[in-house]
Each structure stands twice: as C-alpha cells, then as structure tokens.
C-alpha cells in the first residue's frame, strides 16, 4: 500500500516520494507564503536619528551648529555670533535644511 501511495505522490506532484506533500497544499511554513499578507502590511520607514547641537568654537569667537547624522561624519554649519543665533537657526531653519540636504534622505 505504501508503494502505491508513494508512486501516486510522485506522479501527481512530480516530487520524490520521500518529500510527501499533498501537491501544493502547504504543510510547512515555507510553503505557506501568502502574497496577500505582505500586501496588507504598510512599508516600514523609520526616521533616522538626527541631532543639531549649537557648539561654541574653540577660539571662543562664535558658534556653529554641529549636525550629527547616521553613518556620516559630523557636519559644522554656520558661523553664528551668539549661542542664541545658533539655537534660533536650529528652531527655525534646521527642518528646511534637512529636507534639502542629500535630497531629503534624512528628513
């Protein structure tokens, strides 16, 4: 009886009898892929962690904004006279700068 069943599986499925599956009916997770499941999932888009730090120049003659981006060396922006100017730039203009930098890749 087993030989007959094995032969039927091999003919019907085209698979060796040692791998007994019911011709396309999933019996393992690897066979149970449903493309509709992935279509329902929203794409995962995480925001990169970006920091803007007003920093005093070593010479003490002014301020700049240190921009910390992932996988990029830190950037120094500006040449502000006071800490308040640097902080004001961060509050008012950093979002716009981030949208333009690298085509908005980090926005």
PDB file of N, CA and C in Angstrom:
ATOM      1  N   UNK A   1       0.825  -1.192   0.000  1.00  0.00           N
ATOM      2  CA  UNK A   1       0.000   0.000   0.000  1.00  0.00           C
ATOM      3  C   UNK A   1       0.876   1.266   0.000  1.00  0.00           C
ATOM      4  N   UNK A   2       1.960   1.271   0.795  1.00  0.00           N
ATOM      5  CA  UNK A   2       2.847   2.428   0.856  1.00  0.00           C
ATOM      6  C   UNK A   2       3.472   2.693  -0.502  1.00  0.00           C
ATOM      7  N   UNK A   3       3.878   1.671  -1.213  1.00  0.00           N
ATOM      8  CA  UNK A   3       4.500   1.866  -2.520  1.00  0.00           C
ATOM      9  C   UNK A   3       3.513   2.504  -3.494  1.00  0.00           C
ATOM     10  N   UNK A   4       2.280   2.113  -3.428  1.00  0.00           N
ATOM     11  CA  UNK A   4       1.258   2.679  -4.303  1.00  0.00           C
ATOM     12  C   UNK A   4       1.057   4.162  -4.000  1.00  0.00           C
ATOM     13  N   UNK A   5       0.980   4.510  -2.713  1.00  0.00           N
ATOM     14  CA  UNK A   5       0.819   5.909  -2.308  1.00  0.00           C
ATOM     15  C   UNK A   5       2.021   6.735  -2.741  1.00  0.00           C
ATOM     16  N   UNK A   6       3.232   6.198  -2.548  1.00  0.00           N
ATOM     17  CA  UNK A   6       4.447   6.906  -2.962  1.00  0.00           C
ATOM     18  C   UNK A   6       4.445   7.146  -4.468  1.00  0.00           C
ATOM     19  N   UNK A   7       4.056   6.159  -5.214  1.00  0.00           N
ATOM     20  CA  UNK A   7       4.025   6.294  -6.671  1.00  0.00           C
ATOM     21  C   UNK A   7       3.000   7.346  -7.084  1.00  0.00           C
ATOM     22  N   UNK A   8       1.863   7.369  -6.450  1.00  0.00           N
ATOM     23  CA  UNK A   8       0.836   8.374  -6.767  1.00  0.00           C
ATOM     24  C   UNK A   8       1.345   9.787  -6.465  1.00  0.00           C
ATOM     25  N   UNK A   9       1.982   9.957  -5.309  1.00  0.00           N
ATOM     26  CA  UNK A   9       2.525  11.276  -4.968  1.00  0.00           C
ATOM     27  C   UNK A   9       3.563  11.722  -5.980  1.00  0.00           C
ATOM     28  N   UNK A  10       4.430  10.794  -6.390  1.00  0.00           N
ATOM     29  CA  UNK A  10       5.478  11.151  -7.333  1.00  0.00           C
ATOM     30  C   UNK A  10       4.884  11.540  -8.680  1.00  0.00           C
ATOM     31  N   UNK A  11       3.902  10.803  -9.139  1.00  0.00           N
ATOM     32  CA  UNK A  11       3.284  11.125 -10.429  1.00  0.00           C
ATOM     33  C   UNK A  11       2.492  12.420 -10.343  1.00  0.00           C
ATOM     34  N   UNK A  12       1.721  12.591  -9.294  1.00  0.00           N
ATOM     35  CA  UNK A  12       0.836  13.754  -9.200  1.00  0.00           C
ATOM     36  C   UNK A  12       1.612  15.044  -8.943  1.00  0.00           C
ATOM     37  N   UNK A  13       2.604  14.974  -8.105  1.00  0.00           N
ATOM     38  CA  UNK A  13       3.323  16.179  -7.712  1.00  0.00           C
ATOM     39  C   UNK A  13       4.627  16.370  -8.463  1.00  0.00           C
ATOM     40  N   UNK A  14       5.179  15.319  -9.001  1.00  0.00           N
ATOM     41  CA  UNK A  14       6.463  15.421  -9.651  1.00  0.00           C
ATOM     42  C   UNK A  14       7.601  15.530  -8.655  1.00  0.00           C
ATOM     43  N   UNK A  15       7.350  15.205  -7.411  1.00  0.00           N
ATOM     44  CA  UNK A  15       8.359  15.259  -6.360  1.00  0.00           C
ATOM     45  C   UNK A  15       8.678  13.835  -5.917  1.00  0.00           C
ATOM     46  N   UNK A  16       9.884  13.626  -5.417  1.00  0.00           N
ATOM     47  CA  UNK A  16      10.206  12.302  -4.896  1.00  0.00           C
ATOM     48  C   UNK A  16       9.278  11.932  -3.739  1.00  0.00           C
ATOM     49  N   UNK A  17       9.050  10.669  -3.579  1.00  0.00           N
ATOM     50  CA  UNK A  17       8.131  10.198  -2.546  1.00  0.00           C
ATOM     51  C   UNK A  17       8.633  10.496  -1.140  1.00  0.00           C
ATOM     52  N   UNK A  18       9.937  10.675  -0.965  1.00  0.00           N
ATOM     53  CA  UNK A  18      10.477  10.956   0.367  1.00  0.00           C
ATOM     54  C   UNK A  18       9.976  12.299   0.887  1.00  0.00           C
ATOM     55  N   UNK A  19       9.653  13.218  -0.010  1.00  0.00           N
ATOM     56  CA  UNK A  19       9.119  14.526   0.388  1.00  0.00           C
ATOM     57  C   UNK A  19       7.626  14.504   0.149  1.00  0.00           C
ATOM     58  N   UNK A  20       6.901  13.941   1.063  1.00  0.00           N
ATOM     59  CA  UNK A  20       5.471  13.756   0.840  1.00  0.00           C
ATOM     60  C   UNK A  20       4.694  15.023   1.194  1.00  0.00           C
ATOM     61  N   UNK A  21       4.272  15.721   0.179  1.00  0.00           N
ATOM     62  CA  UNK A  21       3.384  16.862   0.309  1.00  0.00           C
ATOM     63  C   UNK A  21       2.150  16.542  -0.508  1.00  0.00           C
ATOM     64  N   UNK A  22       1.069  17.147  -0.153  1.00  0.00           N
ATOM     65  CA  UNK A  22      -0.165  16.904  -0.886  1.00  0.00           C
ATOM     66  C   UNK A  22      -0.282  17.870  -2.049  1.00  0.00           C
ATOM     67  N   UNK A  23       0.617  17.787  -2.980  1.00  0.00           N
ATOM     68  CA  UNK A  23       0.567  18.535  -4.233  1.00  0.00           C
ATOM     69  C   UNK A  23       0.143  19.989  -4.058  1.00  0.00           C
ATOM     70  N   UNK A  24       0.985  20.777  -3.473  1.00  0.00           N
ATOM     71  CA  UNK A  24       0.694  22.201  -3.378  1.00  0.00           C
ATOM     72  C   UNK A  24      -0.047  22.612  -2.133  1.00  0.00           C
ATOM     73  N   UNK A  25      -0.568  21.668  -1.368  1.00  0.00           N
ATOM     74  CA  UNK A  25      -1.211  22.037  -0.119  1.00  0.00           C
ATOM     75  C   UNK A  25      -0.106  22.222   0.915  1.00  0.00           C
ATOM     76  N   UNK A  26       0.057  23.417   1.435  1.00  0.00           N
ATOM     77  CA  UNK A  26       1.179  23.674   2.323  1.00  0.00           C
ATOM     78  C   UNK A  26       1.079  22.894   3.625  1.00  0.00           C
ATOM     79  N   UNK A  27       2.171  22.249   3.968  1.00  0.00           N
ATOM     80  CA  UNK A  27       2.243  21.546   5.240  1.00  0.00           C
ATOM     81  C   UNK A  27       3.378  22.101   6.083  1.00  0.00           C
ATOM     82  N   UNK A  28       4.130  23.016   5.541  1.00  0.00           N
ATOM     83  CA  UNK A  28       5.227  23.637   6.279  1.00  0.00           C
ATOM     84  C   UNK A  28       5.141  25.138   6.083  1.00  0.00           C
ATOM     85  N   UNK A  29       5.721  25.883   6.996  1.00  0.00           N
ATOM     86  CA  UNK A  29       5.654  27.339   6.900  1.00  0.00           C
ATOM     87  C   UNK A  29       6.285  27.871   5.623  1.00  0.00           C
ATOM     88  N   UNK A  30       7.322  27.221   5.152  1.00  0.00           N
ATOM     89  CA  UNK A  30       7.984  27.692   3.939  1.00  0.00           C
ATOM     90  C   UNK A  30       7.056  27.634   2.738  1.00  0.00           C
ATOM     91  N   UNK A  31       6.105  26.742   2.770  1.00  0.00           N
ATOM     92  CA  UNK A  31       5.169  26.606   1.652  1.00  0.00           C
ATOM     93  C   UNK A  31       3.945  27.486   1.838  1.00  0.00           C
ATOM     94  N   UNK A  32       3.808  28.071   3.001  1.00  0.00           N
ATOM     95  CA  UNK A  32       2.590  28.812   3.313  1.00  0.00           C
ATOM     96  C   UNK A  32       2.722  30.304   3.031  1.00  0.00           C
ATOM     97  N   UNK A  33       3.546  30.687   2.085  1.00  0.00           N
ATOM     98  CA  UNK A  33       3.681  32.110   1.759  1.00  0.00           C
ATOM     99  C   UNK A  33       2.410  32.597   1.079  1.00  0.00           C
ATOM    100  N   UNK A  34       1.893  33.676   1.587  1.00  0.00           N
ATOM    101  CA  UNK A  34       0.682  34.255   1.017  1.00  0.00           C
ATOM    102  C   UNK A  34       0.999  35.689   0.623  1.00  0.00           C
ATOM    103  N   UNK A  35       1.100  35.991  -0.668  1.00  0.00           N
ATOM    104  CA  UNK A  35       1.466  37.351  -1.074  1.00  0.00           C
ATOM    105  C   UNK A  35       0.463  38.394  -0.609  1.00  0.00           C
ATOM    106  N   UNK A  36      -0.756  38.007  -0.358  1.00  0.00           N
ATOM    107  CA  UNK A  36      -1.750  38.972   0.105  1.00  0.00           C
ATOM    108  C   UNK A  36      -1.410  39.479   1.502  1.00  0.00           C
ATOM    109  N   UNK A  37      -0.765  38.648   2.313  1.00  0.00           N
ATOM    110  CA  UNK A  37      -0.388  39.060   3.661  1.00  0.00           C
ATOM    111  C   UNK A  37       0.589  40.237   3.597  1.00  0.00           C
ATOM    112  N   UNK A  38       1.614  40.127   2.793  1.00  0.00           N
ATOM    113  CA  UNK A  38       2.603  41.196   2.687  1.00  0.00           C
ATOM    114  C   UNK A  38       2.015  42.447   2.065  1.00  0.00           C
ATOM    115  N   UNK A  39       1.056  42.304   1.189  1.00  0.00           N
ATOM    116  CA  UNK A  39       0.445  43.463   0.547  1.00  0.00           C
ATOM    117  C   UNK A  39      -0.324  44.302   1.568  1.00  0.00           C
ATOM    118  N   UNK A  40      -0.827  43.677   2.615  1.00  0.00           N
ATOM    119  CA  UNK A  40      -1.581  44.397   3.633  1.00  0.00           C
ATOM    120  C   UNK A  40      -0.682  45.145   4.602  1.00  0.00           C
ATOM    121  N   UNK A  41       0.570  44.757   4.683  1.00  0.00           N
ATOM    122  CA  UNK A  41       1.489  45.361   5.639  1.00  0.00           C
ATOM    123  C   UNK A  41       1.991  46.709   5.110  1.00  0.00           C
ATOM    124  N   UNK A  42       1.912  47.756   5.912  1.00  0.00           N
ATOM    125  CA  UNK A  42       2.454  49.047   5.457  1.00  0.00           C
ATOM    126  C   UNK A  42       3.973  48.975   5.422  1.00  0.00           C
ATOM    127  N   UNK A  43       4.593  49.701   4.506  1.00  0.00           N
ATOM    128  CA  UNK A  43       6.050  49.684   4.471  1.00  0.00           C
ATOM    129  C   UNK A  43       6.603  50.335   5.736  1.00  0.00           C
ATOM    130  N   UNK A  44       7.672  49.763   6.240  1.00  0.00           N
ATOM    131  CA  UNK A  44       8.290  50.291   7.454  1.00  0.00           C
ATOM    132  C   UNK A  44       9.319  51.340   7.048  1.00  0.00           C
ATOM    133  N   UNK A  45       9.092  52.544   7.492  1.00  0.00           N
ATOM    134  CA  UNK A  45      10.026  53.622   7.212  1.00  0.00           C
ATOM    135  C   UNK A  45      10.364  54.278   8.539  1.00  0.00           C
ATOM    136  N   UNK A  46      11.585  54.085   8.959  1.00  0.00           N
ATOM    137  CA  UNK A  46      11.997  54.674  10.215  1.00  0.00           C
ATOM    138  C   UNK A  46      12.712  55.987   9.940  1.00  0.00           C
ATOM    139  N   UNK A  47      12.546  56.901  10.850  1.00  0.00           N
ATOM    140  CA  UNK A  47      13.222  58.183  10.727  1.00  0.00           C
ATOM    141  C   UNK A  47      14.615  58.053  11.311  1.00  0.00           C
ATOM    142  N   UNK A  48      15.622  58.466  10.573  1.00  0.00           N
ATOM    143  CA  UNK A  48      16.966  58.409  11.146  1.00  0.00           C
ATOM    144  C   UNK A  48      17.106  59.409  12.291  1.00  0.00           C
ATOM    145  N   UNK A  49      17.924  59.054  13.240  1.00  0.00           N
ATOM    146  CA  UNK A  49      18.148  59.920  14.382  1.00  0.00           C
ATOM    147  C   UNK A  49      19.127  61.026  13.986  1.00  0.00           C
ATOM    148  N   UNK A  50      18.657  62.260  13.970  1.00  0.00           N
ATOM    149  CA  UNK A  50      19.473  63.414  13.583  1.00  0.00           C
ATOM    150  C   UNK A  50      19.503  64.384  14.763  1.00  0.00           C
ATOM    151  N   UNK A  51      20.691  64.878  15.070  1.00  0.00           N
ATOM    152  CA  UNK A  51      20.835  65.845  16.169  1.00  0.00           C
ATOM    153  C   UNK A  51      21.452  67.133  15.651  1.00  0.00           C
ATOM    154  N   UNK A  52      20.958  68.252  16.162  1.00  0.00           N
ATOM    155  CA  UNK A  52      21.526  69.571  15.894  1.00  0.00           C
ATOM    156  C   UNK A  52      22.010  70.125  17.231  1.00  0.00           C
ATOM    157  N   UNK A  53      23.308  70.361  17.357  1.00  0.00           N
ATOM    158  CA  UNK A  53      23.883  70.837  18.623  1.00  0.00           C
ATOM    159  C   UNK A  53      24.582  72.179  18.429  1.00  0.00           C
ATOM    160  N   UNK A  54      24.045  73.254  19.001  1.00  0.00           N
ATOM    161  CA  UNK A  54      24.786  74.515  18.984  1.00  0.00           C
ATOM    162  C   UNK A  54      26.079  74.325  19.796  1.00  0.00           C
ATOM    163  N   UNK A  55      27.209  74.684  19.198  1.00  0.00           N
ATOM    164  CA  UNK A  55      28.507  74.434  19.810  1.00  0.00           C
ATOM    165  C   UNK A  55      29.374  75.681  19.686  1.00  0.00           C
ATOM    166  N   UNK A  56      30.064  75.992  20.769  1.00  0.00           N
ATOM    167  CA  UNK A  56      30.950  77.160  20.754  1.00  0.00           C
ATOM    168  C   UNK A  56      32.266  76.787  20.072  1.00  0.00           C
ATOM    169  N   UNK A  57      32.784  77.717  19.262  1.00  0.00           N
ATOM    170  CA  UNK A  57      34.063  77.487  18.604  1.00  0.00           C
ATOM    171  C   UNK A  57      35.172  77.471  19.651  1.00  0.00           C
ATOM    172  N   UNK A  58      36.198  76.696  19.403  1.00  0.00           N
ATOM    173  CA  UNK A  58      37.304  76.578  20.364  1.00  0.00           C
ATOM    174  C   UNK A  58      37.972  77.920  20.642  1.00  0.00           C
ATOM    175  N   UNK A  59      38.029  78.755  19.628  1.00  0.00           N
ATOM    176  CA  UNK A  59      38.668  80.069  19.798  1.00  0.00           C
ATOM    177  C   UNK A  59      37.805  81.017  20.622  1.00  0.00           C
ATOM    178  N   UNK A  60      36.526  80.624  20.809  1.00  0.00           N
ATOM    179  CA  UNK A  60      35.615  81.480  21.567  1.00  0.00           C
ATOM    180  C   UNK A  60      35.088  82.651  20.776  1.00  0.00           C
ATOM    181  N   UNK A  61      35.323  82.649  19.449  1.00  0.00           N
ATOM    182  CA  UNK A  61      34.924  83.795  18.629  1.00  0.00           C
ATOM    183  C   UNK A  61      33.547  83.637  17.991  1.00  0.00           C
ATOM    184  N   UNK A  62      32.806  82.615  18.333  1.00  0.00           N
ATOM    185  CA  UNK A  62      31.487  82.436  17.755  1.00  0.00           C
ATOM    186  C   UNK A  62      30.944  81.039  17.999  1.00  0.00           C
ATOM    187  N   UNK A  63      29.871  80.748  17.286  1.00  0.00           N
ATOM    188  CA  UNK A  63      29.165  79.474  17.453  1.00  0.00           C
ATOM    189  C   UNK A  63      28.908  78.840  16.094  1.00  0.00           C
ATOM    190  N   UNK A  64      28.741  77.528  16.084  1.00  0.00           N
ATOM    191  CA  UNK A  64      28.302  76.795  14.897  1.00  0.00           C
ATOM    192  C   UNK A  64      27.318  75.730  15.349  1.00  0.00           C
ATOM    193  N   UNK A  65      26.616  75.141  14.402  1.00  0.00           N
ATOM    194  CA  UNK A  65      25.697  74.047  14.707  1.00  0.00           C
ATOM    195  C   UNK A  65      26.348  72.762  14.226  1.00  0.00           C
ATOM    196  N   UNK A  66      26.527  71.841  15.149  1.00  0.00           N
ATOM    197  CA  UNK A  66      27.072  70.528  14.838  1.00  0.00           C
ATOM    198  C   UNK A  66      25.899  69.625  14.475  1.00  0.00           C
ATOM    199  N   UNK A  67      25.924  69.054  13.272  1.00  0.00           N
ATOM    200  CA  UNK A  67      24.841  68.185  12.803  1.00  0.00           C
ATOM    201  C   UNK A  67      25.341  66.742  12.846  1.00  0.00           C
ATOM    202  N   UNK A  68      24.652  65.919  13.614  1.00  0.00           N
ATOM    203  CA  UNK A  68      25.007  64.512  13.755  1.00  0.00           C
ATOM    204  C   UNK A  68      23.986  63.688  12.954  1.00  0.00           C
ATOM    205  N   UNK A  69      24.475  63.046  11.896  1.00  0.00           N
ATOM    206  CA  UNK A  69      23.646  62.191  11.037  1.00  0.00           C
ATOM    207  C   UNK A  69      24.160  60.763  11.131  1.00  0.00           C
ATOM    208  N   UNK A  70      23.288  59.770  10.910  1.00  0.00           N
ATOM    209  CA  UNK A  70      23.765  58.387  10.953  1.00  0.00           C
ATOM    210  C   UNK A  70      24.679  58.083   9.768  1.00  0.00           C
ATOM    211  N   UNK A  71      25.775  57.393  10.026  1.00  0.00           N
ATOM    212  CA  UNK A  71      26.713  56.906   9.017  1.00  0.00           C
ATOM    213  C   UNK A  71      27.363  58.020   8.193  1.00  0.00           C
ATOM    214  N   UNK A  72      27.428  59.222   8.741  1.00  0.00           N
ATOM    215  CA  UNK A  72      28.043  60.362   8.060  1.00  0.00           C
ATOM    216  C   UNK A  72      28.905  61.086   9.097  1.00  0.00           C
ATOM    217  N   UNK A  73      30.092  61.540   8.726  1.00  0.00           N
ATOM    218  CA  UNK A  73      30.872  62.336   9.687  1.00  0.00           C
ATOM    219  C   UNK A  73      30.095  63.590  10.092  1.00  0.00           C
ATOM    220  N   UNK A  74      30.259  64.057  11.326  1.00  0.00           N
ATOM    221  CA  UNK A  74      29.527  65.250  11.774  1.00  0.00           C
ATOM    222  C   UNK A  74      29.808  66.456  10.879  1.00  0.00           C
ATOM    223  N   UNK A  75      28.783  67.268  10.688  1.00  0.00           N
ATOM    224  CA  UNK A  75      28.893  68.470   9.854  1.00  0.00           C
ATOM    225  C   UNK A  75      28.849  69.705  10.750  1.00  0.00           C
ATOM    226  N   UNK A  76      29.575  70.741  10.358  1.00  0.00           N
ATOM    227  CA  UNK A  76      29.547  72.013  11.071  1.00  0.00           C
ATOM    228  C   UNK A  76      28.900  73.056  10.170  1.00  0.00           C
ATOM    229  N   UNK A  77      27.832  73.646  10.659  1.00  0.00           N
ATOM    230  CA  UNK A  77      27.110  74.646   9.877  1.00  0.00           C
ATOM    231  C   UNK A  77      27.179  76.005  10.547  1.00  0.00           C
ATOM    232  N   UNK A  78      27.284  77.000   9.737  1.00  0.00           N
ATOM    233  CA  UNK A  78      27.122  78.353  10.219  1.00  0.00           C
ATOM    234  C   UNK A  78      28.405  79.060  10.556  1.00  0.00           C
ATOM    235  N   UNK A  79      28.272  79.962  11.388  1.00  0.00           N
ATOM    236  CA  UNK A  79      29.275  80.894  11.844  1.00  0.00           C
ATOM    237  C   UNK A  79      28.467  81.944  12.573  1.00  0.00           C
ATOM    238  N   UNK A  80      27.826  81.518  13.629  1.00  0.00           N
ATOM    239  CA  UNK A  80      26.908  82.388  14.361  1.00  0.00           C
ATOM    240  C   UNK A  80      27.676  83.180  15.416  1.00  0.00           C
ATOM    241  N   UNK A  81      27.213  84.377  15.670  1.00  0.00           N
ATOM    242  CA  UNK A  81      27.898  85.245  16.635  1.00  0.00           C
ATOM    243  C   UNK A  81      27.590  84.842  18.084  1.00  0.00           C
ATOM    244  N   UNK A  82      26.340  84.387  18.294  1.00  0.00           N
ATOM    245  CA  UNK A  82      25.937  84.046  19.668  1.00  0.00           C
ATOM    246  C   UNK A  82      25.282  82.666  19.705  1.00  0.00           C
ATOM    247  N   UNK A  83      25.186  82.150  20.908  1.00  0.00           N
ATOM    248  CA  UNK A  83      24.505  80.861  21.102  1.00  0.00           C
ATOM    249  C   UNK A  83      23.033  80.983  20.732  1.00  0.00           C
ATOM    250  N   UNK A  84      22.433  82.126  21.039  1.00  0.00           N
ATOM    251  CA  UNK A  84      21.011  82.330  20.734  1.00  0.00           C
ATOM    252  C   UNK A  84      20.757  82.273  19.229  1.00  0.00           C
ATOM    253  N   UNK A  85      21.670  82.846  18.426  1.00  0.00           N
ATOM    254  CA  UNK A  85      21.529  82.777  16.965  1.00  0.00           C
ATOM    255  C   UNK A  85      21.583  81.324  16.484  1.00  0.00           C
ATOM    256  N   UNK A  86      22.496  80.568  17.048  1.00  0.00           N
ATOM    257  CA  UNK A  86      22.624  79.165  16.656  1.00  0.00           C
ATOM    258  C   UNK A  86      21.370  78.377  17.042  1.00  0.00           C
ATOM    259  N   UNK A  87      20.867  78.609  18.258  1.00  0.00           N
ATOM    260  CA  UNK A  87      19.643  77.932  18.703  1.00  0.00           C
ATOM    261  C   UNK A  87      18.441  78.348  17.851  1.00  0.00           C
ATOM    262  N   UNK A  88      18.386  79.636  17.507  1.00  0.00           N
ATOM    263  CA  UNK A  88      17.296  80.134  16.667  1.00  0.00           C
ATOM    264  C   UNK A  88      17.325  79.456  15.293  1.00  0.00           C
ATOM    265  N   UNK A  89      18.530  79.288  14.732  1.00  0.00           N
ATOM    266  CA  UNK A  89      18.648  78.590  13.442  1.00  0.00           C
ATOM    267  C   UNK A  89      18.133  77.157  13.560  1.00  0.00           C
ATOM    268  N   UNK A  90      18.487  76.495  14.641  1.00  0.00           N
ATOM    269  CA  UNK A  90      18.027  75.109  14.844  1.00  0.00           C
ATOM    270  C   UNK A  90      16.503  75.079  14.902  1.00  0.00           C
ATOM    271  N   UNK A  91      15.903  75.997  15.659  1.00  0.00           N
ATOM    272  CA  UNK A  91      14.438  76.001  15.803  1.00  0.00           C
ATOM    273  C   UNK A  91      13.717  76.372  14.509  1.00  0.00           C
ATOM    274  N   UNK A  92      14.256  77.341  13.758  1.00  0.00           N
ATOM    275  CA  UNK A  92      13.538  77.868  12.608  1.00  0.00           C
ATOM    276  C   UNK A  92      13.937  77.269  11.261  1.00  0.00           C
ATOM    277  N   UNK A  93      15.180  76.896  11.096  1.00  0.00           N
ATOM    278  CA  UNK A  93      15.647  76.537   9.760  1.00  0.00           C
ATOM    279  C   UNK A  93      16.203  75.126   9.608  1.00  0.00           C
ATOM    280  N   UNK A  94      16.385  74.409  10.700  1.00  0.00           N
ATOM    281  CA  UNK A  94      17.014  73.089  10.591  1.00  0.00           C
ATOM    282  C   UNK A  94      16.150  72.093   9.812  1.00  0.00           C
ATOM    283  N   UNK A  95      14.824  72.162   9.975  1.00  0.00           N
ATOM    284  CA  UNK A  95      13.954  71.229   9.237  1.00  0.00           C
ATOM    285  C   UNK A  95      14.050  71.467   7.730  1.00  0.00           C
ATOM    286  N   UNK A  96      14.048  72.719   7.324  1.00  0.00           N
ATOM    287  CA  UNK A  96      14.179  73.035   5.902  1.00  0.00           C
ATOM    288  C   UNK A  96      15.531  72.610   5.349  1.00  0.00           C
ATOM    289  N   UNK A  97      16.597  72.839   6.142  1.00  0.00           N
ATOM    290  CA  UNK A  97      17.931  72.421   5.711  1.00  0.00           C
ATOM    291  C   UNK A  97      17.986  70.902   5.557  1.00  0.00           C
ATOM    292  N   UNK A  98      17.383  70.195   6.492  1.00  0.00           N
ATOM    293  CA  UNK A  98      17.402  68.732   6.457  1.00  0.00           C
ATOM    294  C   UNK A  98      16.649  68.189   5.247  1.00  0.00           C
ATOM    295  N   UNK A  99      15.564  68.851   4.858  1.00  0.00           N
ATOM    296  CA  UNK A  99      14.806  68.427   3.675  1.00  0.00           C
ATOM    297  C   UNK A  99      15.606  68.618   2.389  1.00  0.00           C
ATOM    298  N   UNK A 100      16.462  69.618   2.357  1.00  0.00           N
ATOM    299  CA  UNK A 100      17.271  69.882   1.166  1.00  0.00           C
ATOM    300  C   UNK A 100      18.568  69.079   1.137  1.00  0.00           C
ATOM    301  N   UNK A 101      19.122  68.774   2.296  1.00  0.00           N
ATOM    302  CA  UNK A 101      20.400  68.064   2.373  1.00  0.00           C
ATOM    303  C   UNK A 101      20.241  66.641   1.852  1.00  0.00           C
ATOM    304  N   UNK A 102      21.095  66.259   0.909  1.00  0.00           N
ATOM    305  CA  UNK A 102      21.084  64.918   0.316  1.00  0.00           C
ATOM    306  C   UNK A 102      19.706  64.541  -0.245  1.00  0.00           C
ATOM    307  N   UNK A 103      18.990  65.514  -0.769  1.00  0.00           N
ATOM    308  CA  UNK A 103      17.679  65.244  -1.365  1.00  0.00           C
ATOM    309  C   UNK A 103      16.626  64.823  -0.357  1.00  0.00           C
ATOM    310  N   UNK A 104      16.777  65.221   0.888  1.00  0.00           N
ATOM    311  CA  UNK A 104      15.786  64.887   1.921  1.00  0.00           C
ATOM    312  C   UNK A 104      15.944  63.486   2.483  1.00  0.00           C
ATOM    313  N   UNK A 105      17.061  62.876   2.224  1.00  0.00           N
ATOM    314  CA  UNK A 105      17.303  61.487   2.662  1.00  0.00           C
ATOM    315  C   UNK A 105      17.148  61.309   4.167  1.00  0.00           C
ATOM    316  N   UNK A 106      17.468  62.306   4.960  1.00  0.00           N
ATOM    317  CA  UNK A 106      17.423  62.189   6.416  1.00  0.00           C
ATOM    318  C   UNK A 106      16.212  62.890   7.035  1.00  0.00           C
ATOM    319  N   UNK A 107      15.364  63.483   6.211  1.00  0.00           N
ATOM    320  CA  UNK A 107      14.209  64.220   6.727  1.00  0.00           C
ATOM    321  C   UNK A 107      13.120  63.287   7.196  1.00  0.00           C
TER     322      UNK A 107
END
